[in-house]
Amino acid sequence: MAPELERHLAERIREGRKPREVIASMLAVGSIRNPKQAWRTLEKWARRGEYEYGVSLDLGWLVKS
């Protein structure tokens, strides 16, 4: 995803919205074409230790830093 879209995703998650909701809204307005774009960003953040999740990747949270 483009850096500005990654920032948008991170900001909305920090505001308390679930990643799943943010991804759905990004799809609805057409900022992304496929949810896999956002999922790959979440995976990248998880590899860096910036994001954690339990059962589902798109229901995780950002780690406080």
N, C-alpha and C. Protein backbone atom coordinates (compact mmCIF):
# COMPACT_ATOMS: atom_id res chain seq x y z
N MET A 1 0.84 -1.18 0.00
CA MET A 1 0.00 0.00 0.00
C MET A 1 0.88 1.23 0.00
N ALA A 2 0.34 2.29 -0.53
CA ALA A 2 1.05 3.57 -0.53
C ALA A 2 1.22 4.07 0.91
N PRO A 3 2.31 4.77 1.16
CA PRO A 3 2.57 5.25 2.53
C PRO A 3 1.42 6.07 3.12
N GLU A 4 0.76 6.89 2.32
CA GLU A 4 -0.35 7.70 2.87
C GLU A 4 -1.53 6.82 3.27
N LEU A 5 -1.74 5.72 2.56
CA LEU A 5 -2.81 4.79 2.93
C LEU A 5 -2.44 4.01 4.20
N GLU A 6 -1.15 3.67 4.33
CA GLU A 6 -0.69 3.01 5.56
C GLU A 6 -0.88 3.93 6.75
N ARG A 7 -0.55 5.22 6.58
CA ARG A 7 -0.75 6.19 7.67
C ARG A 7 -2.23 6.30 8.03
N HIS A 8 -3.08 6.34 7.02
CA HIS A 8 -4.53 6.41 7.25
C HIS A 8 -4.99 5.21 8.08
N LEU A 9 -4.56 4.02 7.68
CA LEU A 9 -4.92 2.80 8.40
C LEU A 9 -4.45 2.87 9.85
N ALA A 10 -3.19 3.24 10.05
CA ALA A 10 -2.64 3.32 11.40
C ALA A 10 -3.37 4.35 12.26
N GLU A 11 -3.66 5.51 11.68
CA GLU A 11 -4.35 6.56 12.44
C GLU A 11 -5.73 6.12 12.88
N ARG A 12 -6.46 5.48 11.98
CA ARG A 12 -7.81 5.02 12.34
C ARG A 12 -7.75 3.94 13.42
N ILE A 13 -6.77 3.06 13.35
CA ILE A 13 -6.63 2.02 14.37
C ILE A 13 -6.30 2.66 15.72
N ARG A 14 -5.41 3.65 15.71
CA ARG A 14 -5.06 4.35 16.96
C ARG A 14 -6.26 5.08 17.56
N GLU A 15 -7.20 5.49 16.71
CA GLU A 15 -8.42 6.14 17.19
C GLU A 15 -9.38 5.15 17.85
N GLY A 16 -9.09 3.87 17.73
CA GLY A 16 -9.93 2.86 18.37
C GLY A 16 -10.78 2.04 17.42
N ARG A 17 -10.67 2.28 16.13
CA ARG A 17 -11.44 1.49 15.17
C ARG A 17 -10.73 0.17 14.91
N LYS A 18 -11.51 -0.85 14.64
CA LYS A 18 -10.95 -2.16 14.32
C LYS A 18 -10.40 -2.13 12.89
N PRO A 19 -9.26 -2.76 12.65
CA PRO A 19 -8.70 -2.80 11.29
C PRO A 19 -9.72 -3.31 10.26
N ARG A 20 -10.53 -4.27 10.63
CA ARG A 20 -11.54 -4.82 9.70
C ARG A 20 -12.48 -3.72 9.23
N GLU A 21 -12.90 -2.83 10.15
CA GLU A 21 -13.80 -1.73 9.80
C GLU A 21 -13.11 -0.73 8.88
N VAL A 22 -11.87 -0.42 9.21
CA VAL A 22 -11.12 0.55 8.41
C VAL A 22 -10.91 0.01 7.00
N ILE A 23 -10.55 -1.25 6.89
CA ILE A 23 -10.33 -1.87 5.58
C ILE A 23 -11.62 -1.85 4.77
N ALA A 24 -12.74 -2.16 5.41
CA ALA A 24 -14.03 -2.13 4.71
C ALA A 24 -14.35 -0.73 4.20
N SER A 25 -14.07 0.28 5.00
CA SER A 25 -14.35 1.65 4.55
C SER A 25 -13.40 2.07 3.43
N MET A 26 -12.15 1.63 3.49
CA MET A 26 -11.20 1.93 2.42
C MET A 26 -11.63 1.27 1.11
N LEU A 27 -12.17 0.08 1.20
CA LEU A 27 -12.71 -0.60 0.01
C LEU A 27 -13.92 0.15 -0.53
N ALA A 28 -14.81 0.57 0.36
CA ALA A 28 -16.04 1.24 -0.04
C ALA A 28 -15.78 2.55 -0.79
N VAL A 29 -14.79 3.30 -0.35
CA VAL A 29 -14.49 4.58 -1.02
C VAL A 29 -13.52 4.41 -2.18
N GLY A 30 -12.97 3.22 -2.34
CA GLY A 30 -12.09 2.95 -3.47
C GLY A 30 -10.63 3.30 -3.28
N SER A 31 -10.20 3.54 -2.02
CA SER A 31 -8.78 3.83 -1.81
C SER A 31 -7.92 2.58 -2.01
N ILE A 32 -8.50 1.42 -1.77
CA ILE A 32 -7.82 0.15 -2.09
C ILE A 32 -8.79 -0.70 -2.91
N ARG A 33 -8.24 -1.59 -3.70
CA ARG A 33 -9.07 -2.41 -4.57
C ARG A 33 -9.33 -3.79 -3.99
N ASN A 34 -8.47 -4.23 -3.08
CA ASN A 34 -8.57 -5.57 -2.53
C ASN A 34 -8.12 -5.53 -1.07
N PRO A 35 -8.80 -6.22 -0.18
CA PRO A 35 -8.39 -6.20 1.24
C PRO A 35 -7.00 -6.79 1.46
N LYS A 36 -6.53 -7.61 0.53
CA LYS A 36 -5.19 -8.20 0.69
C LYS A 36 -4.12 -7.12 0.74
N GLN A 37 -4.36 -5.97 0.11
CA GLN A 37 -3.40 -4.87 0.19
C GLN A 37 -3.19 -4.46 1.64
N ALA A 38 -4.27 -4.30 2.36
CA ALA A 38 -4.18 -3.90 3.77
C ALA A 38 -3.66 -5.03 4.63
N TRP A 39 -4.06 -6.26 4.34
CA TRP A 39 -3.59 -7.40 5.13
C TRP A 39 -2.07 -7.51 5.04
N ARG A 40 -1.51 -7.28 3.87
CA ARG A 40 -0.05 -7.35 3.73
C ARG A 40 0.63 -6.28 4.57
N THR A 41 0.01 -5.11 4.66
CA THR A 41 0.54 -4.06 5.52
C THR A 41 0.49 -4.48 6.98
N LEU A 42 -0.62 -5.08 7.41
CA LEU A 42 -0.74 -5.56 8.78
C LEU A 42 0.31 -6.63 9.07
N GLU A 43 0.54 -7.53 8.10
CA GLU A 43 1.58 -8.56 8.27
C GLU A 43 2.96 -7.93 8.40
N LYS A 44 3.24 -6.92 7.59
CA LYS A 44 4.53 -6.22 7.66
C LYS A 44 4.71 -5.60 9.03
N TRP A 45 3.68 -4.94 9.55
CA TRP A 45 3.75 -4.33 10.87
C TRP A 45 3.96 -5.40 11.94
N ALA A 46 3.30 -6.54 11.80
CA ALA A 46 3.45 -7.63 12.78
C ALA A 46 4.88 -8.16 12.77
N ARG A 47 5.47 -8.32 11.60
CA ARG A 47 6.87 -8.79 11.51
C ARG A 47 7.81 -7.82 12.21
N ARG A 48 7.50 -6.54 12.14
CA ARG A 48 8.34 -5.51 12.77
C ARG A 48 8.07 -5.38 14.27
N GLY A 49 7.03 -6.07 14.77
CA GLY A 49 6.69 -5.97 16.18
C GLY A 49 5.82 -4.77 16.51
N GLU A 50 5.24 -4.13 15.49
CA GLU A 50 4.42 -2.95 15.69
C GLU A 50 2.93 -3.27 15.81
N TYR A 51 2.56 -4.52 15.51
CA TYR A 51 1.16 -4.90 15.45
C TYR A 51 1.03 -6.31 15.99
N GLU A 52 -0.01 -6.54 16.77
CA GLU A 52 -0.27 -7.88 17.31
C GLU A 52 -1.72 -8.26 17.02
N TYR A 53 -1.95 -9.53 16.91
CA TYR A 53 -3.30 -10.03 16.68
C TYR A 53 -3.42 -11.42 17.27
N GLY A 54 -4.64 -11.82 17.53
CA GLY A 54 -4.89 -13.13 18.10
C GLY A 54 -5.28 -14.11 17.01
N VAL A 55 -6.56 -14.30 16.84
CA VAL A 55 -7.09 -15.29 15.91
C VAL A 55 -7.12 -14.77 14.47
N SER A 56 -7.44 -13.50 14.30
CA SER A 56 -7.63 -12.96 12.96
C SER A 56 -6.75 -11.73 12.74
N LEU A 57 -6.05 -11.72 11.64
CA LEU A 57 -5.12 -10.64 11.32
C LEU A 57 -5.81 -9.28 11.34
N ASP A 58 -7.03 -9.22 10.82
CA ASP A 58 -7.70 -7.92 10.70
C ASP A 58 -8.52 -7.54 11.94
N LEU A 59 -8.26 -8.19 13.05
CA LEU A 59 -8.88 -7.80 14.32
C LEU A 59 -7.83 -7.53 15.40
N GLY A 60 -6.64 -7.15 14.96
CA GLY A 60 -5.53 -6.92 15.89
C GLY A 60 -5.47 -5.49 16.40
N TRP A 61 -4.31 -5.12 16.92
CA TRP A 61 -4.10 -3.81 17.51
C TRP A 61 -2.66 -3.40 17.31
N LEU A 62 -2.44 -2.10 17.30
CA LEU A 62 -1.08 -1.57 17.22
C LEU A 62 -0.45 -1.62 18.60
N VAL A 63 0.81 -1.96 18.65
CA VAL A 63 1.55 -2.02 19.90
C VAL A 63 2.00 -0.60 20.25
N LYS A 64 1.81 -0.21 21.48
CA LYS A 64 2.24 1.11 21.92
C LYS A 64 3.75 1.20 21.88
N SER A 65 4.26 2.30 21.34
CA SER A 65 5.72 2.47 21.31
C SER A 65 6.10 3.85 21.74
